Amino acid sequence: MSSERSLPPEILARRRWMGLAARSRPDRLRELLPELPAHDLLRAPEIGAVMVEGRAGGTGTPFNLGEMTVTRCSVRLGSGEVGHAHVQGRDRDHARRAAVLDALMQTDAAQGLEGGVLAPLAKEEAARRTVRAARAAATRVEFFTLVRGEDQ
């Protein structure tokens, strides 16, 4: 999207790490971020639903695809940084850890978290996407049209 390119780099960076945390496997995020610093819950993890919208061909007219269960959470660290998260499913701990990670990425701990938490999550997500693409490619059907002699 052209409008996305005009966003400030810090917004794009935050969007990236929040997305990685939200799409990560909950057990893997727990493994990479086992200890959570002291924080206050601004919005305790709560479960709800959102309407998922689709587009034919990725660019066509939008249509309602259906509802998806999500859990959201907002936290504030002792140092004042606020973190937010929305994760798919009903895992309250996942939402809380993702929100704490968002807040921590706004502190001096960001560089260490980039290498210790986000880089492994990004690598694992890329591997999952490669496997999924290979599975989809295996089902691809090629159609060929034969030219008959009298149609020339």
C-alpha atoms as a PDB file:
ATOM      1  CA  MET A   1       0.000   0.000   0.000  1.00  0.00           C
ATOM      2  CA  SER A   2       1.294   3.445  -0.825  1.00  0.00           C
ATOM      3  CA  SER A   3      -0.143   4.947   2.391  1.00  0.00           C
ATOM      4  CA  GLU A   4       1.859   2.446   4.461  1.00  0.00           C
ATOM      5  CA  ARG A   5       5.129   3.664   2.927  1.00  0.00           C
ATOM      6  CA  SER A   6       4.387   7.176   4.134  1.00  0.00           C
ATOM      7  CA  LEU A   7       4.161   6.088   7.796  1.00  0.00           C
ATOM      8  CA  PRO A   8       7.034   7.030  10.097  1.00  0.00           C
ATOM      9  CA  PRO A   9       9.651   4.274  10.586  1.00  0.00           C
ATOM     10  CA  GLU A  10       8.897   3.958  14.310  1.00  0.00           C
ATOM     11  CA  ILE A  11       5.235   3.182  13.523  1.00  0.00           C
ATOM     12  CA  LEU A  12       6.247   0.567  10.949  1.00  0.00           C
ATOM     13  CA  ALA A  13       8.710  -0.977  13.427  1.00  0.00           C
ATOM     14  CA  ARG A  14       6.071  -1.157  16.160  1.00  0.00           C
ATOM     15  CA  ARG A  15       3.571  -2.670  13.734  1.00  0.00           C
ATOM     16  CA  ARG A  16       6.163  -5.333  12.860  1.00  0.00           C
ATOM     17  CA  TRP A  17       6.978  -6.381  16.439  1.00  0.00           C
ATOM     18  CA  MET A  18       3.343  -6.297  17.561  1.00  0.00           C
ATOM     19  CA  GLY A  19       2.406  -8.492  14.603  1.00  0.00           C
ATOM     20  CA  LEU A  20       5.206 -10.959  15.315  1.00  0.00           C
ATOM     21  CA  ALA A  21       4.127 -11.254  18.957  1.00  0.00           C
ATOM     22  CA  ALA A  22       0.466 -11.673  18.011  1.00  0.00           C
ATOM     23  CA  ARG A  23       1.149 -14.323  15.348  1.00  0.00           C
ATOM     24  CA  SER A  24       3.648 -16.262  17.446  1.00  0.00           C
ATOM     25  CA  ARG A  25       2.810 -19.588  19.025  1.00  0.00           C
ATOM     26  CA  PRO A  26       1.825 -18.873  22.653  1.00  0.00           C
ATOM     27  CA  ASP A  27       4.143 -21.548  24.054  1.00  0.00           C
ATOM     28  CA  ARG A  28       7.074 -20.181  22.051  1.00  0.00           C
ATOM     29  CA  LEU A  29       6.500 -16.610  23.270  1.00  0.00           C
ATOM     30  CA  ARG A  30       6.338 -17.964  26.833  1.00  0.00           C
ATOM     31  CA  GLU A  31       9.633 -19.788  26.248  1.00  0.00           C
ATOM     32  CA  LEU A  32      11.385 -16.721  24.817  1.00  0.00           C
ATOM     33  CA  LEU A  33       9.937 -14.302  27.393  1.00  0.00           C
ATOM     34  CA  PRO A  34       9.601 -16.432  30.554  1.00  0.00           C
ATOM     35  CA  GLU A  35       9.882 -13.639  33.138  1.00  0.00           C
ATOM     36  CA  LEU A  36       7.600 -10.634  32.903  1.00  0.00           C
ATOM     37  CA  PRO A  37       8.656  -7.393  34.597  1.00  0.00           C
ATOM     38  CA  ALA A  38       6.332  -5.717  37.088  1.00  0.00           C
ATOM     39  CA  HIS A  39       3.419  -4.153  35.263  1.00  0.00           C
ATOM     40  CA  ASP A  40      -0.096  -2.889  35.847  1.00  0.00           C
ATOM     41  CA  LEU A  41      -3.052  -4.093  33.830  1.00  0.00           C
ATOM     42  CA  LEU A  42      -4.768  -1.178  32.131  1.00  0.00           C
ATOM     43  CA  ARG A  43      -7.105  -3.602  30.391  1.00  0.00           C
ATOM     44  CA  ALA A  44      -7.032  -7.128  31.768  1.00  0.00           C
ATOM     45  CA  PRO A  45      -6.957  -9.798  29.065  1.00  0.00           C
ATOM     46  CA  GLU A  46     -10.491 -10.079  27.719  1.00  0.00           C
ATOM     47  CA  ILE A  47     -11.944 -12.346  25.082  1.00  0.00           C
ATOM     48  CA  GLY A  48     -14.171 -11.070  22.302  1.00  0.00           C
ATOM     49  CA  ALA A  49     -14.862 -11.365  18.610  1.00  0.00           C
ATOM     50  CA  VAL A  50     -14.024  -9.313  15.548  1.00  0.00           C
ATOM     51  CA  MET A  51     -15.483  -9.423  12.059  1.00  0.00           C
ATOM     52  CA  VAL A  52     -12.950 -10.588   9.499  1.00  0.00           C
ATOM     53  CA  GLU A  53     -13.229  -8.909   6.130  1.00  0.00           C
ATOM     54  CA  GLY A  54     -12.068 -10.436   2.866  1.00  0.00           C
ATOM     55  CA  ARG A  55     -11.573  -9.150  -0.664  1.00  0.00           C
ATOM     56  CA  ALA A  56     -11.946 -11.141  -3.853  1.00  0.00           C
ATOM     57  CA  GLY A  57      -8.489 -11.416  -5.367  1.00  0.00           C
ATOM     58  CA  GLY A  58      -7.067  -9.282  -2.573  1.00  0.00           C
ATOM     59  CA  THR A  59      -8.195  -6.059  -4.239  1.00  0.00           C
ATOM     60  CA  GLY A  60     -11.891  -6.500  -4.994  1.00  0.00           C
ATOM     61  CA  THR A  61     -14.975  -5.374  -3.136  1.00  0.00           C
ATOM     62  CA  PRO A  62     -14.780  -6.179   0.583  1.00  0.00           C
ATOM     63  CA  PHE A  63     -17.119  -8.775   2.063  1.00  0.00           C
ATOM     64  CA  ASN A  64     -17.658 -10.118   5.576  1.00  0.00           C
ATOM     65  CA  LEU A  65     -15.845 -13.430   5.823  1.00  0.00           C
ATOM     66  CA  GLY A  66     -16.927 -14.257   9.370  1.00  0.00           C
ATOM     67  CA  GLU A  67     -16.103 -13.711  13.013  1.00  0.00           C
ATOM     68  CA  MET A  68     -12.839 -14.567  14.743  1.00  0.00           C
ATOM     69  CA  THR A  69     -12.202 -14.896  18.461  1.00  0.00           C
ATOM     70  CA  VAL A  70      -9.521 -12.540  19.800  1.00  0.00           C
ATOM     71  CA  THR A  71      -8.083 -11.663  23.196  1.00  0.00           C
ATOM     72  CA  ARG A  72      -6.874  -8.147  23.928  1.00  0.00           C
ATOM     73  CA  CYS A  73      -4.802  -6.688  26.732  1.00  0.00           C
ATOM     74  CA  SER A  74      -3.143  -3.393  27.704  1.00  0.00           C
ATOM     75  CA  VAL A  75      -0.395  -2.982  30.307  1.00  0.00           C
ATOM     76  CA  ARG A  76       1.775  -0.234  31.802  1.00  0.00           C
ATOM     77  CA  LEU A  77       5.319  -0.924  32.970  1.00  0.00           C
ATOM     78  CA  GLY A  78       6.638   0.618  36.172  1.00  0.00           C
ATOM     79  CA  SER A  79       8.668   3.018  34.011  1.00  0.00           C
ATOM     80  CA  GLY A  80       5.474   4.269  32.320  1.00  0.00           C
ATOM     81  CA  GLU A  81       5.570   2.606  28.880  1.00  0.00           C
ATOM     82  CA  VAL A  82       2.191   1.321  27.710  1.00  0.00           C
ATOM     83  CA  GLY A  83       1.847  -1.860  25.643  1.00  0.00           C
ATOM     84  CA  HIS A  84      -1.150  -3.246  23.774  1.00  0.00           C
ATOM     85  CA  ALA A  85      -1.912  -6.573  22.140  1.00  0.00           C
ATOM     86  CA  HIS A  86      -4.663  -8.327  20.213  1.00  0.00           C
ATOM     87  CA  VAL A  87      -4.079 -12.035  19.634  1.00  0.00           C
ATOM     88  CA  GLN A  88      -6.127 -14.636  17.824  1.00  0.00           C
ATOM     89  CA  GLY A  89      -7.904 -17.108  20.070  1.00  0.00           C
ATOM     90  CA  ARG A  90      -8.670 -17.283  23.770  1.00  0.00           C
ATOM     91  CA  ASP A  91      -5.191 -17.364  25.330  1.00  0.00           C
ATOM     92  CA  ARG A  92      -5.103 -14.658  28.013  1.00  0.00           C
ATOM     93  CA  ASP A  93      -1.442 -15.311  28.864  1.00  0.00           C
ATOM     94  CA  HIS A  94      -0.453 -14.888  25.215  1.00  0.00           C
ATOM     95  CA  ALA A  95      -2.217 -11.507  25.054  1.00  0.00           C
ATOM     96  CA  ARG A  96      -0.589 -10.371  28.296  1.00  0.00           C
ATOM     97  CA  ARG A  97       2.921 -11.416  27.196  1.00  0.00           C
ATOM     98  CA  ALA A  98       2.465  -9.773  23.798  1.00  0.00           C
ATOM     99  CA  ALA A  99       1.347  -6.530  25.492  1.00  0.00           C
ATOM    100  CA  VAL A 100       4.312  -6.610  27.892  1.00  0.00           C
ATOM    101  CA  LEU A 101       6.647  -7.230  24.940  1.00  0.00           C
ATOM    102  CA  ASP A 102       5.166  -4.210  23.148  1.00  0.00           C
ATOM    103  CA  ALA A 103       5.812  -2.053  26.222  1.00  0.00           C
ATOM    104  CA  LEU A 104       9.341  -3.435  26.677  1.00  0.00           C
ATOM    105  CA  MET A 105      10.194  -2.688  23.049  1.00  0.00           C
ATOM    106  CA  GLN A 106       9.674   0.981  23.883  1.00  0.00           C
ATOM    107  CA  THR A 107      12.439   0.859  26.517  1.00  0.00           C
ATOM    108  CA  ASP A 108      16.218   0.471  26.504  1.00  0.00           C
ATOM    109  CA  ALA A 109      15.690  -3.312  26.527  1.00  0.00           C
ATOM    110  CA  ALA A 110      14.533  -3.193  22.892  1.00  0.00           C
ATOM    111  CA  GLN A 111      17.880  -4.122  21.334  1.00  0.00           C
ATOM    112  CA  GLY A 112      18.247  -7.247  23.461  1.00  0.00           C
ATOM    113  CA  LEU A 113      14.639  -8.261  22.816  1.00  0.00           C
ATOM    114  CA  GLU A 114      15.117  -7.749  19.072  1.00  0.00           C
ATOM    115  CA  GLY A 115      17.810 -10.422  18.978  1.00  0.00           C
ATOM    116  CA  GLY A 116      16.558 -12.680  21.756  1.00  0.00           C
ATOM    117  CA  VAL A 117      12.815 -12.718  21.094  1.00  0.00           C
ATOM    118  CA  LEU A 118      11.796 -11.064  17.819  1.00  0.00           C
ATOM    119  CA  ALA A 119      14.506 -12.516  15.560  1.00  0.00           C
ATOM    120  CA  PRO A 120      13.645 -16.137  16.490  1.00  0.00           C
ATOM    121  CA  LEU A 121       9.919 -15.408  16.094  1.00  0.00           C
ATOM    122  CA  ALA A 122      10.502 -13.873  12.651  1.00  0.00           C
ATOM    123  CA  LYS A 123      12.641 -16.826  11.562  1.00  0.00           C
ATOM    124  CA  GLU A 124      10.019 -19.337  12.712  1.00  0.00           C
ATOM    125  CA  GLU A 125       7.226 -17.394  11.022  1.00  0.00           C
ATOM    126  CA  ALA A 126       9.170 -17.351   7.744  1.00  0.00           C
ATOM    127  CA  ALA A 127       9.676 -21.117   7.995  1.00  0.00           C
ATOM    128  CA  ARG A 128       5.934 -21.671   8.620  1.00  0.00           C
ATOM    129  CA  ARG A 129       5.082 -19.513   5.590  1.00  0.00           C
ATOM    130  CA  THR A 130       7.512 -21.459   3.395  1.00  0.00           C
ATOM    131  CA  VAL A 131       5.942 -24.775   4.430  1.00  0.00           C
ATOM    132  CA  ARG A 132       2.431 -23.424   3.864  1.00  0.00           C
ATOM    133  CA  ALA A 133       3.406 -22.081   0.414  1.00  0.00           C
ATOM    134  CA  ALA A 134       4.930 -25.445  -0.536  1.00  0.00           C
ATOM    135  CA  ARG A 135       1.735 -27.244   0.481  1.00  0.00           C
ATOM    136  CA  ALA A 136      -0.347 -24.827  -1.568  1.00  0.00           C
ATOM    137  CA  ALA A 137       1.974 -25.181  -4.577  1.00  0.00           C
ATOM    138  CA  ALA A 138       1.563 -28.955  -4.435  1.00  0.00           C
ATOM    139  CA  THR A 139      -2.164 -28.542  -5.131  1.00  0.00           C
ATOM    140  CA  ARG A 140      -1.696 -26.182  -8.073  1.00  0.00           C
ATOM    141  CA  VAL A 141      -3.336 -27.286 -11.305  1.00  0.00           C
ATOM    142  CA  GLU A 142      -1.919 -26.251 -14.676  1.00  0.00           C
ATOM    143  CA  PHE A 143      -4.324 -25.987 -17.610  1.00  0.00           C
ATOM    144  CA  PHE A 144      -3.091 -26.348 -21.153  1.00  0.00           C
ATOM    145  CA  THR A 145      -4.974 -25.670 -24.364  1.00  0.00           C
ATOM    146  CA  LEU A 146      -4.163 -27.784 -27.360  1.00  0.00           C
ATOM    147  CA  VAL A 147      -4.351 -26.183 -30.783  1.00  0.00           C
ATOM    148  CA  ARG A 148      -6.126 -28.269 -33.335  1.00  0.00           C
ATOM    149  CA  GLY A 149      -4.837 -28.266 -36.918  1.00  0.00           C
ATOM    150  CA  GLU A 150      -7.982 -26.857 -38.541  1.00  0.00           C
ATOM    151  CA  ASP A 151      -8.102 -23.829 -36.185  1.00  0.00           C
ATOM    152  CA  GLN A 152      -4.908 -22.340 -37.640  1.00  0.00           C
END
